[in-house]
Amino acid sequence: MKCVICGHSDIAAYKARFRPFLIARMFAGKAQDTDVYVCKKCGFEYSSFRPNDVQMQRQYDGYMLEEYLHQRESFEKGFIEQTLRVVNDENLANRRANLAHFIAPFIVDSKPRTILDYGGGGG
């Protein structure tokens, strides 16, 4: 097995399970075991299980709207308060500036070559 990012073959594997919120929302309450792979060279972490289109649609339907927030809060106490603390004008402006600085080297003639936001929640 090789890292999907750098191609290095020194990969650590750990048994894992998706978070209870994702099990409820994406997998209709059915636990989904997976392995988490960690590349020892570049540090990239990824799951062996890839949700299908239907499961992904379940996750993002109404994403961050009221029903989503309350469902997530029922699994992760304090999620709404934490989200409101992060989502304010000053913080969003700082995040946008940091993101613009990060992606600038990948922009050619004001047109992105490729941008992938993969699991950007807290990152």
PDB file of N, CA and C in Angstrom:
ATOM      1  N   MET A   1       0.850  -1.182   0.000  1.00  0.00           N
ATOM      2  CA  MET A   1       0.000   0.000   0.000  1.00  0.00           C
ATOM      3  C   MET A   1       0.889   1.236   0.000  1.00  0.00           C
ATOM      4  N   LYS A   2       0.465   2.248  -0.748  1.00  0.00           N
ATOM      5  CA  LYS A   2       1.219   3.497  -0.842  1.00  0.00           C
ATOM      6  C   LYS A   2       0.330   4.675  -0.461  1.00  0.00           C
ATOM      7  N   CYS A   3       0.951   5.707   0.065  1.00  0.00           N
ATOM      8  CA  CYS A   3       0.244   6.931   0.433  1.00  0.00           C
ATOM      9  C   CYS A   3      -0.403   7.543  -0.814  1.00  0.00           C
ATOM     10  N   VAL A   4      -1.661   7.952  -0.676  1.00  0.00           N
ATOM     11  CA  VAL A   4      -2.378   8.549  -1.807  1.00  0.00           C
ATOM     12  C   VAL A   4      -1.869   9.954  -2.139  1.00  0.00           C
ATOM     13  N   ILE A   5      -1.081  10.536  -1.243  1.00  0.00           N
ATOM     14  CA  ILE A   5      -0.551  11.880  -1.470  1.00  0.00           C
ATOM     15  C   ILE A   5       0.878  11.840  -2.004  1.00  0.00           C
ATOM     16  N   CYS A   6       1.784  11.181  -1.265  1.00  0.00           N
ATOM     17  CA  CYS A   6       3.209  11.240  -1.635  1.00  0.00           C
ATOM     18  C   CYS A   6       3.746   9.943  -2.220  1.00  0.00           C
ATOM     19  N   GLY A   7       2.977   8.862  -2.157  1.00  0.00           N
ATOM     20  CA  GLY A   7       3.406   7.593  -2.734  1.00  0.00           C
ATOM     21  C   GLY A   7       4.340   6.779  -1.851  1.00  0.00           C
ATOM     22  N   HIS A   8       4.643   7.267  -0.660  1.00  0.00           N
ATOM     23  CA  HIS A   8       5.526   6.554   0.261  1.00  0.00           C
ATOM     24  C   HIS A   8       4.827   5.278   0.746  1.00  0.00           C
ATOM     25  N   SER A   9       5.607   4.226   1.002  1.00  0.00           N
ATOM     26  CA  SER A   9       4.986   2.952   1.375  1.00  0.00           C
ATOM     27  C   SER A   9       5.030   2.652   2.874  1.00  0.00           C
ATOM     28  N   ASP A  10       5.563   3.548   3.689  1.00  0.00           N
ATOM     29  CA  ASP A  10       5.584   3.329   5.133  1.00  0.00           C
ATOM     30  C   ASP A  10       4.303   3.910   5.736  1.00  0.00           C
ATOM     31  N   ILE A  11       3.289   3.065   5.811  1.00  0.00           N
ATOM     32  CA  ILE A  11       1.950   3.479   6.237  1.00  0.00           C
ATOM     33  C   ILE A  11       1.577   2.743   7.524  1.00  0.00           C
ATOM     34  N   ALA A  12       1.086   3.464   8.514  1.00  0.00           N
ATOM     35  CA  ALA A  12       0.542   2.851   9.727  1.00  0.00           C
ATOM     36  C   ALA A  12      -0.966   2.720   9.549  1.00  0.00           C
ATOM     37  N   ALA A  13      -1.526   1.604  10.025  1.00  0.00           N
ATOM     38  CA  ALA A  13      -2.971   1.378   9.918  1.00  0.00           C
ATOM     39  C   ALA A  13      -3.553   1.164  11.309  1.00  0.00           C
ATOM     40  N   TYR A  14      -4.697   1.793  11.551  1.00  0.00           N
ATOM     41  CA  TYR A  14      -5.377   1.690  12.836  1.00  0.00           C
ATOM     42  C   TYR A  14      -6.844   1.377  12.598  1.00  0.00           C
ATOM     43  N   LYS A  15      -7.398   0.451  13.374  1.00  0.00           N
ATOM     44  CA  LYS A  15      -8.832   0.180  13.303  1.00  0.00           C
ATOM     45  C   LYS A  15      -9.579   1.394  13.842  1.00  0.00           C
ATOM     46  N   ALA A  16     -10.692   1.710  13.225  1.00  0.00           N
ATOM     47  CA  ALA A  16     -11.440   2.906  13.637  1.00  0.00           C
ATOM     48  C   ALA A  16     -12.923   2.716  13.346  1.00  0.00           C
ATOM     49  N   ARG A  17     -13.693   3.643  13.821  1.00  0.00           N
ATOM     50  CA  ARG A  17     -15.127   3.692  13.553  1.00  0.00           C
ATOM     51  C   ARG A  17     -15.493   5.158  13.394  1.00  0.00           C
ATOM     52  N   PHE A  18     -16.419   5.431  12.514  1.00  0.00           N
ATOM     53  CA  PHE A  18     -16.853   6.811  12.325  1.00  0.00           C
ATOM     54  C   PHE A  18     -17.516   7.333  13.590  1.00  0.00           C
ATOM     55  N   ARG A  19     -17.531   8.640  13.733  1.00  0.00           N
ATOM     56  CA  ARG A  19     -18.145   9.281  14.891  1.00  0.00           C
ATOM     57  C   ARG A  19     -19.639   8.957  14.932  1.00  0.00           C
ATOM     58  N   PRO A  20     -20.199   8.872  16.143  1.00  0.00           N
ATOM     59  CA  PRO A  20     -21.624   8.542  16.267  1.00  0.00           C
ATOM     60  C   PRO A  20     -22.538   9.460  15.441  1.00  0.00           C
ATOM     61  N   PHE A  21     -22.202  10.748  15.367  1.00  0.00           N
ATOM     62  CA  PHE A  21     -23.012  11.667  14.567  1.00  0.00           C
ATOM     63  C   PHE A  21     -23.027  11.252  13.108  1.00  0.00           C
ATOM     64  N   LEU A  22     -21.875  10.887  12.561  1.00  0.00           N
ATOM     65  CA  LEU A  22     -21.812  10.461  11.160  1.00  0.00           C
ATOM     66  C   LEU A  22     -22.513   9.124  10.953  1.00  0.00           C
ATOM     67  N   ILE A  23     -22.401   8.225  11.926  1.00  0.00           N
ATOM     68  CA  ILE A  23     -23.110   6.951  11.823  1.00  0.00           C
ATOM     69  C   ILE A  23     -24.608   7.217  11.718  1.00  0.00           C
ATOM     70  N   ALA A  24     -25.117   8.110  12.553  1.00  0.00           N
ATOM     71  CA  ALA A  24     -26.548   8.434  12.520  1.00  0.00           C
ATOM     72  C   ALA A  24     -26.938   9.128  11.224  1.00  0.00           C
ATOM     73  N   ARG A  25     -26.162  10.093  10.810  1.00  0.00           N
ATOM     74  CA  ARG A  25     -26.545  10.926   9.675  1.00  0.00           C
ATOM     75  C   ARG A  25     -26.220  10.290   8.323  1.00  0.00           C
ATOM     76  N   MET A  26     -24.997   9.855   8.138  1.00  0.00           N
ATOM     77  CA  MET A  26     -24.571   9.322   6.839  1.00  0.00           C
ATOM     78  C   MET A  26     -24.961   7.865   6.628  1.00  0.00           C
ATOM     79  N   PHE A  27     -24.870   7.082   7.689  1.00  0.00           N
ATOM     80  CA  PHE A  27     -25.017   5.637   7.552  1.00  0.00           C
ATOM     81  C   PHE A  27     -26.323   5.115   8.146  1.00  0.00           C
ATOM     82  N   ALA A  28     -27.293   6.018   8.325  1.00  0.00           N
ATOM     83  CA  ALA A  28     -28.637   5.649   8.799  1.00  0.00           C
ATOM     84  C   ALA A  28     -28.587   4.784  10.058  1.00  0.00           C
ATOM     85  N   GLY A  29     -27.653   5.097  10.952  1.00  0.00           N
ATOM     86  CA  GLY A  29     -27.578   4.409  12.238  1.00  0.00           C
ATOM     87  C   GLY A  29     -26.813   3.100  12.219  1.00  0.00           C
ATOM     88  N   LYS A  30     -26.292   2.698  11.084  1.00  0.00           N
ATOM     89  CA  LYS A  30     -25.534   1.446  10.987  1.00  0.00           C
ATOM     90  C   LYS A  30     -24.043   1.760  11.116  1.00  0.00           C
ATOM     91  N   ALA A  31     -23.412   1.185  12.144  1.00  0.00           N
ATOM     92  CA  ALA A  31     -21.989   1.437  12.375  1.00  0.00           C
ATOM     93  C   ALA A  31     -21.177   1.031  11.156  1.00  0.00           C
ATOM     94  N   GLN A  32     -20.174   1.823  10.848  1.00  0.00           N
ATOM     95  CA  GLN A  32     -19.309   1.551   9.702  1.00  0.00           C
ATOM     96  C   GLN A  32     -17.865   1.509  10.181  1.00  0.00           C
ATOM     97  N   ASP A  33     -17.305   0.311  10.246  1.00  0.00           N
ATOM     98  CA  ASP A  33     -15.900   0.183  10.624  1.00  0.00           C
ATOM     99  C   ASP A  33     -15.024   0.616   9.460  1.00  0.00           C
ATOM    100  N   THR A  34     -13.825   1.032   9.782  1.00  0.00           N
ATOM    101  CA  THR A  34     -12.879   1.468   8.768  1.00  0.00           C
ATOM    102  C   THR A  34     -11.475   1.324   9.337  1.00  0.00           C
ATOM    103  N   ASP A  35     -10.507   1.513   8.521  1.00  0.00           N
ATOM    104  CA  ASP A  35      -9.129   1.650   8.974  1.00  0.00           C
ATOM    105  C   ASP A  35      -8.727   3.090   8.694  1.00  0.00           C
ATOM    106  N   VAL A  36      -7.905   3.624   9.569  1.00  0.00           N
ATOM    107  CA  VAL A  36      -7.319   4.936   9.321  1.00  0.00           C
ATOM    108  C   VAL A  36      -5.852   4.691   8.995  1.00  0.00           C
ATOM    109  N   TYR A  37      -5.436   5.224   7.852  1.00  0.00           N
ATOM    110  CA  TYR A  37      -4.049   5.087   7.418  1.00  0.00           C
ATOM    111  C   TYR A  37      -3.325   6.405   7.661  1.00  0.00           C
ATOM    112  N   VAL A  38      -2.093   6.303   8.136  1.00  0.00           N
ATOM    113  CA  VAL A  38      -1.270   7.479   8.393  1.00  0.00           C
ATOM    114  C   VAL A  38       0.072   7.264   7.691  1.00  0.00           C
ATOM    115  N   CYS A  39       0.394   8.178   6.794  1.00  0.00           N
ATOM    116  CA  CYS A  39       1.680   8.112   6.101  1.00  0.00           C
ATOM    117  C   CYS A  39       2.769   8.607   7.045  1.00  0.00           C
ATOM    118  N   LYS A  40       3.781   7.783   7.241  1.00  0.00           N
ATOM    119  CA  LYS A  40       4.867   8.158   8.153  1.00  0.00           C
ATOM    120  C   LYS A  40       5.828   9.159   7.531  1.00  0.00           C
ATOM    121  N   LYS A  41       5.714   9.390   6.223  1.00  0.00           N
ATOM    122  CA  LYS A  41       6.586  10.377   5.576  1.00  0.00           C
ATOM    123  C   LYS A  41       5.937  11.764   5.583  1.00  0.00           C
ATOM    124  N   CYS A  42       4.724  11.877   5.006  1.00  0.00           N
ATOM    125  CA  CYS A  42       4.114  13.212   4.878  1.00  0.00           C
ATOM    126  C   CYS A  42       3.076  13.509   5.959  1.00  0.00           C
ATOM    127  N   GLY A  43       2.659  12.474   6.730  1.00  0.00           N
ATOM    128  CA  GLY A  43       1.716  12.695   7.823  1.00  0.00           C
ATOM    129  C   GLY A  43       0.254  12.712   7.411  1.00  0.00           C
ATOM    130  N   PHE A  44      -0.038  12.499   6.117  1.00  0.00           N
ATOM    131  CA  PHE A  44      -1.427  12.527   5.675  1.00  0.00           C
ATOM    132  C   PHE A  44      -2.188  11.364   6.300  1.00  0.00           C
ATOM    133  N   GLU A  45      -3.419  11.637   6.739  1.00  0.00           N
ATOM    134  CA  GLU A  45      -4.280  10.627   7.349  1.00  0.00           C
ATOM    135  C   GLU A  45      -5.537  10.484   6.512  1.00  0.00           C
ATOM    136  N   TYR A  46      -5.965   9.250   6.287  1.00  0.00           N
ATOM    137  CA  TYR A  46      -7.178   9.031   5.511  1.00  0.00           C
ATOM    138  C   TYR A  46      -7.819   7.700   5.883  1.00  0.00           C
ATOM    139  N   SER A  47      -9.092   7.602   5.585  1.00  0.00           N
ATOM    140  CA  SER A  47      -9.884   6.429   5.900  1.00  0.00           C
ATOM    141  C   SER A  47      -9.874   5.452   4.730  1.00  0.00           C
ATOM    142  N   SER A  48      -9.901   4.167   5.049  1.00  0.00           N
ATOM    143  CA  SER A  48      -9.974   3.154   3.992  1.00  0.00           C
ATOM    144  C   SER A  48     -11.370   3.101   3.382  1.00  0.00           C
ATOM    145  N   PHE A  49     -12.368   3.548   4.128  1.00  0.00           N
ATOM    146  CA  PHE A  49     -13.751   3.512   3.645  1.00  0.00           C
ATOM    147  C   PHE A  49     -14.118   4.848   3.030  1.00  0.00           C
ATOM    148  N   ARG A  50     -14.652   4.804   1.835  1.00  0.00           N
ATOM    149  CA  ARG A  50     -15.114   6.020   1.165  1.00  0.00           C
ATOM    150  C   ARG A  50     -16.642   5.966   1.063  1.00  0.00           C
ATOM    151  N   PRO A  51     -17.323   6.924   1.701  1.00  0.00           N
ATOM    152  CA  PRO A  51     -18.784   6.955   1.590  1.00  0.00           C
ATOM    153  C   PRO A  51     -19.213   7.094   0.131  1.00  0.00           C
ATOM    154  N   ASN A  52     -20.364   6.491  -0.180  1.00  0.00           N
ATOM    155  CA  ASN A  52     -20.889   6.603  -1.550  1.00  0.00           C
ATOM    156  C   ASN A  52     -21.648   7.918  -1.710  1.00  0.00           C
ATOM    157  N   ASP A  53     -22.155   8.168  -2.918  1.00  0.00           N
ATOM    158  CA  ASP A  53     -22.840   9.438  -3.205  1.00  0.00           C
ATOM    159  C   ASP A  53     -24.070   9.645  -2.337  1.00  0.00           C
ATOM    160  N   VAL A  54     -24.834   8.597  -2.089  1.00  0.00           N
ATOM    161  CA  VAL A  54     -26.045   8.710  -1.257  1.00  0.00           C
ATOM    162  C   VAL A  54     -25.651   9.081   0.172  1.00  0.00           C
ATOM    163  N   GLN A  55     -24.639   8.425   0.704  1.00  0.00           N
ATOM    164  CA  GLN A  55     -24.186   8.723   2.066  1.00  0.00           C
ATOM    165  C   GLN A  55     -23.650  10.146   2.173  1.00  0.00           C
ATOM    166  N   MET A  56     -22.921  10.581   1.186  1.00  0.00           N
ATOM    167  CA  MET A  56     -22.415  11.952   1.199  1.00  0.00           C
ATOM    168  C   MET A  56     -23.558  12.960   1.102  1.00  0.00           C
ATOM    169  N   GLN A  57     -24.558  12.656   0.308  1.00  0.00           N
ATOM    170  CA  GLN A  57     -25.713  13.546   0.195  1.00  0.00           C
ATOM    171  C   GLN A  57     -26.424  13.676   1.538  1.00  0.00           C
ATOM    172  N   ARG A  58     -26.538  12.545   2.269  1.00  0.00           N
ATOM    173  CA  ARG A  58     -27.151  12.587   3.603  1.00  0.00           C
ATOM    174  C   ARG A  58     -26.360  13.510   4.534  1.00  0.00           C
ATOM    175  N   GLN A  59     -25.057  13.437   4.441  1.00  0.00           N
ATOM    176  CA  GLN A  59     -24.220  14.279   5.304  1.00  0.00           C
ATOM    177  C   GLN A  59     -24.417  15.753   5.002  1.00  0.00           C
ATOM    178  N   TYR A  60     -24.506  16.129   3.740  1.00  0.00           N
ATOM    179  CA  TYR A  60     -24.501  17.546   3.377  1.00  0.00           C
ATOM    180  C   TYR A  60     -25.878  18.149   3.108  1.00  0.00           C
ATOM    181  N   ASP A  61     -26.933  17.348   3.115  1.00  0.00           N
ATOM    182  CA  ASP A  61     -28.274  17.932   3.006  1.00  0.00           C
ATOM    183  C   ASP A  61     -28.516  18.846   4.203  1.00  0.00           C
ATOM    184  N   GLY A  62     -28.799  20.100   3.937  1.00  0.00           N
ATOM    185  CA  GLY A  62     -29.055  21.050   5.022  1.00  0.00           C
ATOM    186  C   GLY A  62     -27.843  21.311   5.895  1.00  0.00           C
ATOM    187  N   TYR A  63     -26.658  21.149   5.332  1.00  0.00           N
ATOM    188  CA  TYR A  63     -25.416  21.296   6.092  1.00  0.00           C
ATOM    189  C   TYR A  63     -25.369  22.635   6.824  1.00  0.00           C
ATOM    190  N   MET A  64     -25.129  22.555   8.110  1.00  0.00           N
ATOM    191  CA  MET A  64     -24.985  23.690   9.024  1.00  0.00           C
ATOM    192  C   MET A  64     -26.263  24.533   9.159  1.00  0.00           C
ATOM    193  N   LEU A  65     -27.381  24.002   8.696  1.00  0.00           N
ATOM    194  CA  LEU A  65     -28.663  24.662   8.955  1.00  0.00           C
ATOM    195  C   LEU A  65     -29.195  24.172  10.295  1.00  0.00           C
ATOM    196  N   GLU A  66     -30.326  24.721  10.715  1.00  0.00           N
ATOM    197  CA  GLU A  66     -30.822  24.479  12.076  1.00  0.00           C
ATOM    198  C   GLU A  66     -30.971  22.996  12.420  1.00  0.00           C
ATOM    199  N   GLU A  67     -31.606  22.215  11.555  1.00  0.00           N
ATOM    200  CA  GLU A  67     -31.805  20.790  11.857  1.00  0.00           C
ATOM    201  C   GLU A  67     -30.465  20.064  12.001  1.00  0.00           C
ATOM    202  N   TYR A  68     -29.541  20.360  11.097  1.00  0.00           N
ATOM    203  CA  TYR A  68     -28.200  19.758  11.156  1.00  0.00           C
ATOM    204  C   TYR A  68     -27.525  20.108  12.480  1.00  0.00           C
ATOM    205  N   LEU A  69     -27.543  21.404  12.828  1.00  0.00           N
ATOM    206  CA  LEU A  69     -26.887  21.854  14.056  1.00  0.00           C
ATOM    207  C   LEU A  69     -27.457  21.164  15.287  1.00  0.00           C
ATOM    208  N   HIS A  70     -28.788  21.045  15.348  1.00  0.00           N
ATOM    209  CA  HIS A  70     -29.407  20.419  16.520  1.00  0.00           C
ATOM    210  C   HIS A  70     -29.132  18.917  16.560  1.00  0.00           C
ATOM    211  N   GLN A  71     -29.110  18.282  15.395  1.00  0.00           N
ATOM    212  CA  GLN A  71     -28.771  16.859  15.378  1.00  0.00           C
ATOM    213  C   GLN A  71     -27.329  16.663  15.861  1.00  0.00           C
ATOM    214  N   ARG A  72     -26.433  17.486  15.378  1.00  0.00           N
ATOM    215  CA  ARG A  72     -25.030  17.349  15.784  1.00  0.00           C
ATOM    216  C   ARG A  72     -24.854  17.673  17.267  1.00  0.00           C
ATOM    217  N   GLU A  73     -25.570  18.690  17.727  1.00  0.00           N
ATOM    218  CA  GLU A  73     -25.514  19.064  19.144  1.00  0.00           C
ATOM    219  C   GLU A  73     -25.958  17.896  20.033  1.00  0.00           C
ATOM    220  N   SER A  74     -26.912  17.102  19.558  1.00  0.00           N
ATOM    221  CA  SER A  74     -27.383  15.969  20.362  1.00  0.00           C
ATOM    222  C   SER A  74     -26.290  14.912  20.553  1.00  0.00           C
ATOM    223  N   PHE A  75     -25.320  14.883  19.677  1.00  0.00           N
ATOM    224  CA  PHE A  75     -24.188  13.961  19.788  1.00  0.00           C
ATOM    225  C   PHE A  75     -22.953  14.632  20.376  1.00  0.00           C
ATOM    226  N   GLU A  76     -22.794  15.914  20.119  1.00  0.00           N
ATOM    227  CA  GLU A  76     -21.601  16.645  20.533  1.00  0.00           C
ATOM    228  C   GLU A  76     -22.019  17.900  21.292  1.00  0.00           C
ATOM    229  N   LYS A  77     -22.218  17.734  22.586  1.00  0.00           N
ATOM    230  CA  LYS A  77     -22.666  18.856  23.428  1.00  0.00           C
ATOM    231  C   LYS A  77     -21.715  20.047  23.291  1.00  0.00           C
ATOM    232  N   GLY A  78     -22.276  21.225  23.082  1.00  0.00           N
ATOM    233  CA  GLY A  78     -21.487  22.436  22.941  1.00  0.00           C
ATOM    234  C   GLY A  78     -21.131  22.773  21.500  1.00  0.00           C
ATOM    235  N   PHE A  79     -21.546  21.925  20.539  1.00  0.00           N
ATOM    236  CA  PHE A  79     -21.191  22.156  19.139  1.00  0.00           C
ATOM    237  C   PHE A  79     -21.737  23.486  18.626  1.00  0.00           C
ATOM    238  N   ILE A  80     -22.988  23.797  18.952  1.00  0.00           N
ATOM    239  CA  ILE A  80     -23.599  25.040  18.458  1.00  0.00           C
ATOM    240  C   ILE A  80     -22.866  26.247  19.031  1.00  0.00           C
ATOM    241  N   GLU A  81     -22.606  26.231  20.326  1.00  0.00           N
ATOM    242  CA  GLU A  81     -21.900  27.354  20.956  1.00  0.00           C
ATOM    243  C   GLU A  81     -20.504  27.527  20.343  1.00  0.00           C
ATOM    244  N   GLN A  82     -19.794  26.435  20.162  1.00  0.00           N
ATOM    245  CA  GLN A  82     -18.455  26.492  19.575  1.00  0.00           C
ATOM    246  C   GLN A  82     -18.516  27.024  18.143  1.00  0.00           C
ATOM    247  N   THR A  83     -19.499  26.578  17.385  1.00  0.00           N
ATOM    248  CA  THR A  83     -19.649  27.018  16.000  1.00  0.00           C
ATOM    249  C   THR A  83     -19.933  28.513  15.943  1.00  0.00           C
ATOM    250  N   LEU A  84     -20.811  29.006  16.801  1.00  0.00           N
ATOM    251  CA  LEU A  84     -21.132  30.430  16.821  1.00  0.00           C
ATOM    252  C   LEU A  84     -19.918  31.272  17.215  1.00  0.00           C
ATOM    253  N   ARG A  85     -19.079  30.721  18.077  1.00  0.00           N
ATOM    254  CA  ARG A  85     -17.858  31.432  18.491  1.00  0.00           C
ATOM    255  C   ARG A  85     -16.895  31.568  17.314  1.00  0.00           C
ATOM    256  N   VAL A  86     -16.826  30.557  16.480  1.00  0.00           N
ATOM    257  CA  VAL A  86     -15.905  30.546  15.341  1.00  0.00           C
ATOM    258  C   VAL A  86     -16.447  31.368  14.174  1.00  0.00           C
ATOM    259  N   VAL A  87     -17.769  31.315  13.986  1.00  0.00           N
ATOM    260  CA  VAL A  87     -18.374  31.972  12.825  1.00  0.00           C
ATOM    261  C   VAL A  87     -18.795  33.390  13.200  1.00  0.00           C
ATOM    262  N   ASN A  88     -17.814  34.285  13.194  1.00  0.00           N
ATOM    263  CA  ASN A  88     -18.098  35.701  13.377  1.00  0.00           C
ATOM    264  C   ASN A  88     -17.308  36.449  12.308  1.00  0.00           C
ATOM    265  N   ASP A  89     -17.669  37.682  12.051  1.00  0.00           N
ATOM    266  CA  ASP A  89     -17.086  38.427  10.934  1.00  0.00           C
ATOM    267  C   ASP A  89     -15.564  38.532  10.998  1.00  0.00           C
ATOM    268  N   GLU A  90     -15.022  38.831  12.193  1.00  0.00           N
ATOM    269  CA  GLU A  90     -13.569  38.995  12.302  1.00  0.00           C
ATOM    270  C   GLU A  90     -12.843  37.675  12.043  1.00  0.00           C
ATOM    271  N   ASN A  91     -13.345  36.605  12.643  1.00  0.00           N
ATOM    272  CA  ASN A  91     -12.716  35.301  12.461  1.00  0.00           C
ATOM    273  C   ASN A  91     -12.806  34.846  11.006  1.00  0.00           C
ATOM    274  N   LEU A  92     -13.963  35.038  10.388  1.00  0.00           N
ATOM    275  CA  LEU A  92     -14.112  34.648   8.988  1.00  0.00           C
ATOM    276  C   LEU A  92     -13.177  35.453   8.087  1.00  0.00           C
ATOM    277  N   ALA A  93     -13.006  36.726   8.374  1.00  0.00           N
ATOM    278  CA  ALA A  93     -12.097  37.561   7.590  1.00  0.00           C
ATOM    279  C   ALA A  93     -10.659  37.043   7.716  1.00  0.00           C
ATOM    280  N   ASN A  94     -10.257  36.671   8.927  1.00  0.00           N
ATOM    281  CA  ASN A  94      -8.915  36.117   9.133  1.00  0.00           C
ATOM    282  C   ASN A  94      -8.751  34.788   8.405  1.00  0.00           C
ATOM    283  N   ARG A  95      -9.769  33.941   8.473  1.00  0.00           N
ATOM    284  CA  ARG A  95      -9.691  32.640   7.799  1.00  0.00           C
ATOM    285  C   ARG A  95      -9.608  32.819   6.287  1.00  0.00           C
ATOM    286  N   ARG A  96     -10.390  33.755   5.751  1.00  0.00           N
ATOM    287  CA  ARG A  96     -10.334  34.014   4.302  1.00  0.00           C
ATOM    288  C   ARG A  96      -8.955  34.515   3.886  1.00  0.00           C
ATOM    289  N   ALA A  97      -8.370  35.416   4.688  1.00  0.00           N
ATOM    290  CA  ALA A  97      -7.036  35.953   4.378  1.00  0.00           C
ATOM    291  C   ALA A  97      -5.987  34.844   4.417  1.00  0.00           C
ATOM    292  N   ASN A  98      -6.055  33.986   5.428  1.00  0.00           N
ATOM    293  CA  ASN A  98      -5.110  32.869   5.529  1.00  0.00           C
ATOM    294  C   ASN A  98      -5.273  31.900   4.363  1.00  0.00           C
ATOM    295  N   LEU A  99      -6.510  31.619   3.988  1.00  0.00           N
ATOM    296  CA  LEU A  99      -6.768  30.722   2.865  1.00  0.00           C
ATOM    297  C   LEU A  99      -6.260  31.325   1.558  1.00  0.00           C
ATOM    298  N   ALA A 100      -6.512  32.607   1.363  1.00  0.00           N
ATOM    299  CA  ALA A 100      -6.049  33.279   0.139  1.00  0.00           C
ATOM    300  C   ALA A 100      -4.522  33.209   0.045  1.00  0.00           C
ATOM    301  N   HIS A 101      -3.835  33.428   1.162  1.00  0.00           N
ATOM    302  CA  HIS A 101      -2.372  33.348   1.181  1.00  0.00           C
ATOM    303  C   HIS A 101      -1.902  31.918   0.862  1.00  0.00           C
ATOM    304  N   PHE A 102      -2.606  30.929   1.416  1.00  0.00           N
ATOM    305  CA  PHE A 102      -2.220  29.533   1.218  1.00  0.00           C
ATOM    306  C   PHE A 102      -2.397  29.094  -0.234  1.00  0.00           C
ATOM    307  N   ILE A 103      -3.513  29.488  -0.868  1.00  0.00           N
ATOM    308  CA  ILE A 103      -3.772  28.990  -2.223  1.00  0.00           C
ATOM    309  C   ILE A 103      -3.141  29.850  -3.320  1.00  0.00           C
ATOM    310  N   ALA A 104      -2.646  31.034  -2.980  1.00  0.00           N
ATOM    311  CA  ALA A 104      -2.074  31.935  -3.993  1.00  0.00           C
ATOM    312  C   ALA A 104      -1.051  31.269  -4.912  1.00  0.00           C
ATOM    313  N   PRO A 105      -0.134  30.434  -4.389  1.00  0.00           N
ATOM    314  CA  PRO A 105       0.852  29.808  -5.290  1.00  0.00           C
ATOM    315  C   PRO A 105       0.237  28.858  -6.328  1.00  0.00           C
ATOM    316  N   PHE A 106      -1.005  28.430  -6.095  1.00  0.00           N
ATOM    317  CA  PHE A 106      -1.637  27.474  -6.998  1.00  0.00           C
ATOM    318  C   PHE A 106      -2.543  28.139  -8.027  1.00  0.00           C
ATOM    319  N   ILE A 107      -2.622  29.470  -7.979  1.00  0.00           N
ATOM    320  CA  ILE A 107      -3.471  30.224  -8.885  1.00  0.00           C
ATOM    321  C   ILE A 107      -2.630  30.721 -10.062  1.00  0.00           C
ATOM    322  N   VAL A 108      -3.106  30.468 -11.261  1.00  0.00           N
ATOM    323  CA  VAL A 108      -2.408  30.926 -12.465  1.00  0.00           C
ATOM    324  C   VAL A 108      -3.362  31.845 -13.220  1.00  0.00           C
ATOM    325  N   ASP A 109      -2.938  33.077 -13.474  1.00  0.00           N
ATOM    326  CA  ASP A 109      -3.768  34.036 -14.204  1.00  0.00           C
ATOM    327  C   ASP A 109      -5.174  34.148 -13.609  1.00  0.00           C
ATOM    328  N   SER A 110      -5.253  34.208 -12.291  1.00  0.00           N
ATOM    329  CA  SER A 110      -6.517  34.355 -11.555  1.00  0.00           C
ATOM    330  C   SER A 110      -7.485  33.201 -11.754  1.00  0.00           C
ATOM    331  N   LYS A 111      -7.006  32.075 -12.269  1.00  0.00           N
ATOM    332  CA  LYS A 111      -7.863  30.895 -12.429  1.00  0.00           C
ATOM    333  C   LYS A 111      -7.214  29.719 -11.707  1.00  0.00           C
ATOM    334  N   PRO A 112      -7.918  29.174 -10.712  1.00  0.00           N
ATOM    335  CA  PRO A 112      -7.337  28.041  -9.986  1.00  0.00           C
ATOM    336  C   PRO A 112      -7.122  26.844 -10.915  1.00  0.00           C
ATOM    337  N   ARG A 113      -5.980  26.189 -10.737  1.00  0.00           N
ATOM    338  CA  ARG A 113      -5.758  24.936 -11.460  1.00  0.00           C
ATOM    339  C   ARG A 113      -6.646  23.868 -10.842  1.00  0.00           C
ATOM    340  N   THR A 114      -6.548  23.694  -9.544  1.00  0.00           N
ATOM    341  CA  THR A 114      -7.366  22.730  -8.819  1.00  0.00           C
ATOM    342  C   THR A 114      -7.398  23.145  -7.361  1.00  0.00           C
ATOM    343  N   ILE A 115      -8.578  23.055  -6.749  1.00  0.00           N
ATOM    344  CA  ILE A 115      -8.694  23.284  -5.305  1.00  0.00           C
ATOM    345  C   ILE A 115      -9.591  22.189  -4.764  1.00  0.00           C
ATOM    346  N   LEU A 116      -9.122  21.504  -3.734  1.00  0.00           N
ATOM    347  CA  LEU A 116      -9.894  20.447  -3.088  1.00  0.00           C
ATOM    348  C   LEU A 116      -9.975  20.771  -1.606  1.00  0.00           C
ATOM    349  N   ASP A 117     -11.190  20.913  -1.102  1.00  0.00           N
ATOM    350  CA  ASP A 117     -11.401  21.117   0.331  1.00  0.00           C
ATOM    351  C   ASP A 117     -11.818  19.768   0.880  1.00  0.00           C
ATOM    352  N   TYR A 118     -10.901  19.105   1.571  1.00  0.00           N
ATOM    353  CA  TYR A 118     -11.148  17.752   2.052  1.00  0.00           C
ATOM    354  C   TYR A 118     -11.122  17.759   3.562  1.00  0.00           C
ATOM    355  N   GLY A 119     -12.309  17.652   4.197  1.00  0.00           N
ATOM    356  CA  GLY A 119     -12.352  17.605   5.636  1.00  0.00           C
ATOM    357  C   GLY A 119     -11.870  18.872   6.302  1.00  0.00           C
ATOM    358  N   GLY A 120     -12.282  20.015   5.791  1.00  0.00           N
ATOM    359  CA  GLY A 120     -11.763  21.289   6.267  1.00  0.00           C
ATOM    360  C   GLY A 120     -12.347  21.786   7.562  1.00  0.00           C
ATOM    361  N   GLY A 121     -13.234  21.052   8.209  1.00  0.00           N
ATOM    362  CA  GLY A 121     -13.933  21.507   9.398  1.00  0.00           C
ATOM    363  C   GLY A 121     -13.125  22.330  10.363  1.00  0.00           C
ATOM    364  N   GLY A 122     -12.191  21.736  11.071  1.00  0.00           N
ATOM    365  CA  GLY A 122     -11.413  22.478  12.052  1.00  0.00           C
ATOM    366  C   GLY A 122     -10.046  22.863  11.560  1.00  0.00           C
ATOM    367  N   GLY A 123      -9.779  22.571  10.302  1.00  0.00           N
ATOM    368  CA  GLY A 123      -8.416  22.736   9.808  1.00  0.00           C
ATOM    369  C   GLY A 123      -8.149  23.977   9.080  1.00  0.00           C
TER     370      GLY A 123
END
